[in-house]
Amino acid sequence: MPTLRIVTNVEIPPEQCAALLADASGTVAAMLGKPEAYVMVLIEDGRALSLGGSSAPAAYLELKSLGLPEDRTAEYSRTLCDLLAEALEIGAERVYIEFAAPPRHLFGWNGGTF
């Protein structure tokens, strides 16, 4: 159930968006050691977004996963920032990331919960 949400003010062409979806999905699966079949990635591009009073390219990410190891979030942050730097040319200083590890009973799937 790992879920990565990427919100950015960068307009992403459709073919680049498809590539980013695939890269992000594989990255999250590898990073967390979970099957990619359970990874969801959402991209919201072209959003009104300001960071530090500037509308220069920036992004807000949410990474949610059951059992997310809190002691590895700095490593995950670097990996995700590298992904955005390569794909969208957004510097790490222009990215905020929220990490969350919801309890199993508060994350639904397939008509039930985990």
C-alpha atoms as a PDB file:
ATOM      1  CA  MET A   1       0.000   0.000   0.000  1.00  0.00           C
ATOM      2  CA  PRO A   2       2.872   2.426  -0.324  1.00  0.00           C
ATOM      3  CA  THR A   3       1.428   5.641  -1.740  1.00  0.00           C
ATOM      4  CA  LEU A   4       3.467   8.514  -3.121  1.00  0.00           C
ATOM      5  CA  ARG A   5       1.735  11.786  -3.933  1.00  0.00           C
ATOM      6  CA  ILE A   6       3.682  14.389  -5.898  1.00  0.00           C
ATOM      7  CA  VAL A   7       2.255  17.908  -6.101  1.00  0.00           C
ATOM      8  CA  THR A   8       4.257  20.390  -8.153  1.00  0.00           C
ATOM      9  CA  ASN A   9       3.951  23.717  -9.886  1.00  0.00           C
ATOM     10  CA  VAL A  10       5.870  22.315 -12.855  1.00  0.00           C
ATOM     11  CA  GLU A  11       3.801  21.519 -15.964  1.00  0.00           C
ATOM     12  CA  ILE A  12       4.730  17.971 -17.010  1.00  0.00           C
ATOM     13  CA  PRO A  13       4.162  16.874 -20.619  1.00  0.00           C
ATOM     14  CA  PRO A  14       2.120  13.638 -20.848  1.00  0.00           C
ATOM     15  CA  GLU A  15       4.997  11.443 -22.057  1.00  0.00           C
ATOM     16  CA  GLN A  16       7.289  12.732 -19.295  1.00  0.00           C
ATOM     17  CA  CYS A  17       4.506  12.226 -16.734  1.00  0.00           C
ATOM     18  CA  ALA A  18       4.141   8.577 -17.760  1.00  0.00           C
ATOM     19  CA  ALA A  19       7.883   8.069 -17.384  1.00  0.00           C
ATOM     20  CA  LEU A  20       7.892   9.774 -13.978  1.00  0.00           C
ATOM     21  CA  LEU A  21       4.987   7.592 -12.800  1.00  0.00           C
ATOM     22  CA  ALA A  22       6.918   4.473 -13.781  1.00  0.00           C
ATOM     23  CA  ASP A  23      10.209   5.682 -12.281  1.00  0.00           C
ATOM     24  CA  ALA A  24       8.570   6.797  -9.047  1.00  0.00           C
ATOM     25  CA  SER A  25       6.682   3.520  -8.669  1.00  0.00           C
ATOM     26  CA  GLY A  26       9.826   1.447  -9.136  1.00  0.00           C
ATOM     27  CA  THR A  27      11.810   3.733  -6.843  1.00  0.00           C
ATOM     28  CA  VAL A  28       9.260   3.495  -4.022  1.00  0.00           C
ATOM     29  CA  ALA A  29       9.024  -0.296  -4.324  1.00  0.00           C
ATOM     30  CA  ALA A  30      12.810  -0.712  -4.258  1.00  0.00           C
ATOM     31  CA  MET A  31      13.303   1.848  -1.513  1.00  0.00           C
ATOM     32  CA  LEU A  32      10.739   0.241   0.810  1.00  0.00           C
ATOM     33  CA  GLY A  33      11.358  -3.364  -0.232  1.00  0.00           C
ATOM     34  CA  LYS A  34       7.690  -3.862  -1.104  1.00  0.00           C
ATOM     35  CA  PRO A  35       6.089  -5.371  -4.218  1.00  0.00           C
ATOM     36  CA  GLU A  36       5.492  -2.756  -6.902  1.00  0.00           C
ATOM     37  CA  ALA A  37       2.050  -4.304  -7.458  1.00  0.00           C
ATOM     38  CA  TYR A  38       0.927  -2.518  -4.268  1.00  0.00           C
ATOM     39  CA  VAL A  39       2.549   0.878  -4.983  1.00  0.00           C
ATOM     40  CA  MET A  40       0.338   3.820  -5.945  1.00  0.00           C
ATOM     41  CA  VAL A  41       1.773   7.059  -7.354  1.00  0.00           C
ATOM     42  CA  LEU A  42      -0.265  10.212  -7.892  1.00  0.00           C
ATOM     43  CA  ILE A  43       1.070  13.235  -9.751  1.00  0.00           C
ATOM     44  CA  GLU A  44      -0.617  16.629  -9.592  1.00  0.00           C
ATOM     45  CA  ASP A  45       1.287  18.986 -11.869  1.00  0.00           C
ATOM     46  CA  GLY A  46       0.794  22.619 -12.790  1.00  0.00           C
ATOM     47  CA  ARG A  47      -0.537  23.504  -9.330  1.00  0.00           C
ATOM     48  CA  ALA A  48      -0.478  26.908  -7.727  1.00  0.00           C
ATOM     49  CA  LEU A  49       2.390  26.389  -5.297  1.00  0.00           C
ATOM     50  CA  SER A  50       4.753  28.768  -3.568  1.00  0.00           C
ATOM     51  CA  LEU A  51       7.717  27.952  -1.320  1.00  0.00           C
ATOM     52  CA  GLY A  52       9.594  30.662   0.518  1.00  0.00           C
ATOM     53  CA  GLY A  53       7.599  33.347  -1.243  1.00  0.00           C
ATOM     54  CA  SER A  54       8.766  32.104  -4.634  1.00  0.00           C
ATOM     55  CA  SER A  55       6.871  30.276  -7.357  1.00  0.00           C
ATOM     56  CA  ALA A  56      10.089  28.800  -8.795  1.00  0.00           C
ATOM     57  CA  PRO A  57       9.833  25.051  -9.482  1.00  0.00           C
ATOM     58  CA  ALA A  58       8.951  23.278  -6.244  1.00  0.00           C
ATOM     59  CA  ALA A  59       7.146  20.182  -5.012  1.00  0.00           C
ATOM     60  CA  TYR A  60       5.296  18.779  -2.025  1.00  0.00           C
ATOM     61  CA  LEU A  61       5.377  15.006  -1.566  1.00  0.00           C
ATOM     62  CA  GLU A  62       3.529  12.632   0.721  1.00  0.00           C
ATOM     63  CA  LEU A  63       4.852   9.119   1.229  1.00  0.00           C
ATOM     64  CA  LYS A  64       2.572   6.802   3.187  1.00  0.00           C
ATOM     65  CA  SER A  65       3.327   3.180   3.911  1.00  0.00           C
ATOM     66  CA  LEU A  66       2.381   0.641   6.528  1.00  0.00           C
ATOM     67  CA  GLY A  67       5.377   0.024   8.749  1.00  0.00           C
ATOM     68  CA  LEU A  68       7.386   2.933   7.316  1.00  0.00           C
ATOM     69  CA  PRO A  69      10.686   2.864   9.234  1.00  0.00           C
ATOM     70  CA  GLU A  70      11.077   6.311  10.778  1.00  0.00           C
ATOM     71  CA  ASP A  71      14.827   5.883  11.157  1.00  0.00           C
ATOM     72  CA  ARG A  72      15.212   5.775   7.349  1.00  0.00           C
ATOM     73  CA  THR A  73      13.203   8.868   6.372  1.00  0.00           C
ATOM     74  CA  ALA A  74      16.362  10.964   5.753  1.00  0.00           C
ATOM     75  CA  GLU A  75      17.541   8.312   3.274  1.00  0.00           C
ATOM     76  CA  TYR A  76      14.109   8.237   1.624  1.00  0.00           C
ATOM     77  CA  SER A  77      14.097  12.021   1.423  1.00  0.00           C
ATOM     78  CA  ARG A  78      17.409  12.007  -0.462  1.00  0.00           C
ATOM     79  CA  THR A  79      16.182   9.304  -2.861  1.00  0.00           C
ATOM     80  CA  LEU A  80      12.931  11.126  -3.627  1.00  0.00           C
ATOM     81  CA  CYS A  81      14.676  14.495  -4.011  1.00  0.00           C
ATOM     82  CA  ASP A  82      17.159  12.890  -6.433  1.00  0.00           C
ATOM     83  CA  LEU A  83      14.226  11.509  -8.425  1.00  0.00           C
ATOM     84  CA  LEU A  84      12.638  14.972  -8.727  1.00  0.00           C
ATOM     85  CA  ALA A  85      15.937  16.652  -9.525  1.00  0.00           C
ATOM     86  CA  GLU A  86      16.522  14.237 -12.394  1.00  0.00           C
ATOM     87  CA  ALA A  87      12.963  14.148 -13.723  1.00  0.00           C
ATOM     88  CA  LEU A  88      11.808  17.747 -13.166  1.00  0.00           C
ATOM     89  CA  GLU A  89      14.972  19.717 -12.336  1.00  0.00           C
ATOM     90  CA  ILE A  90      13.607  20.653  -8.916  1.00  0.00           C
ATOM     91  CA  GLY A  91      16.364  21.208  -6.355  1.00  0.00           C
ATOM     92  CA  ALA A  92      16.148  19.433  -3.013  1.00  0.00           C
ATOM     93  CA  GLU A  93      15.859  22.796  -1.252  1.00  0.00           C
ATOM     94  CA  ARG A  94      12.539  23.293  -3.087  1.00  0.00           C
ATOM     95  CA  VAL A  95      10.931  20.056  -1.892  1.00  0.00           C
ATOM     96  CA  TYR A  96       8.940  19.287   1.258  1.00  0.00           C
ATOM     97  CA  ILE A  97       8.106  15.677   2.058  1.00  0.00           C
ATOM     98  CA  GLU A  98       5.592  14.379   4.588  1.00  0.00           C
ATOM     99  CA  PHE A  99       6.146  10.795   5.732  1.00  0.00           C
ATOM    100  CA  ALA A 100       3.344   8.812   7.354  1.00  0.00           C
ATOM    101  CA  ALA A 101       2.902   5.275   8.675  1.00  0.00           C
ATOM    102  CA  PRO A 102      -0.842   4.819   9.207  1.00  0.00           C
ATOM    103  CA  PRO A 103      -2.114   1.993  11.404  1.00  0.00           C
ATOM    104  CA  ARG A 104      -3.320  -0.978   9.328  1.00  0.00           C
ATOM    105  CA  HIS A 105      -6.942  -0.512  10.381  1.00  0.00           C
ATOM    106  CA  LEU A 106      -6.902   3.073   9.066  1.00  0.00           C
ATOM    107  CA  PHE A 107      -5.873   2.193   5.509  1.00  0.00           C
ATOM    108  CA  GLY A 108      -8.487   0.575   3.300  1.00  0.00           C
ATOM    109  CA  TRP A 109      -8.133  -1.644   0.276  1.00  0.00           C
ATOM    110  CA  ASN A 110     -10.244  -4.181  -1.588  1.00  0.00           C
ATOM    111  CA  GLY A 111     -13.365  -3.536   0.466  1.00  0.00           C
ATOM    112  CA  GLY A 112     -11.570  -3.922   3.793  1.00  0.00           C
ATOM    113  CA  THR A 113      -8.458  -2.715   5.573  1.00  0.00           C
ATOM    114  CA  PHE A 114      -4.938  -3.994   5.834  1.00  0.00           C
END
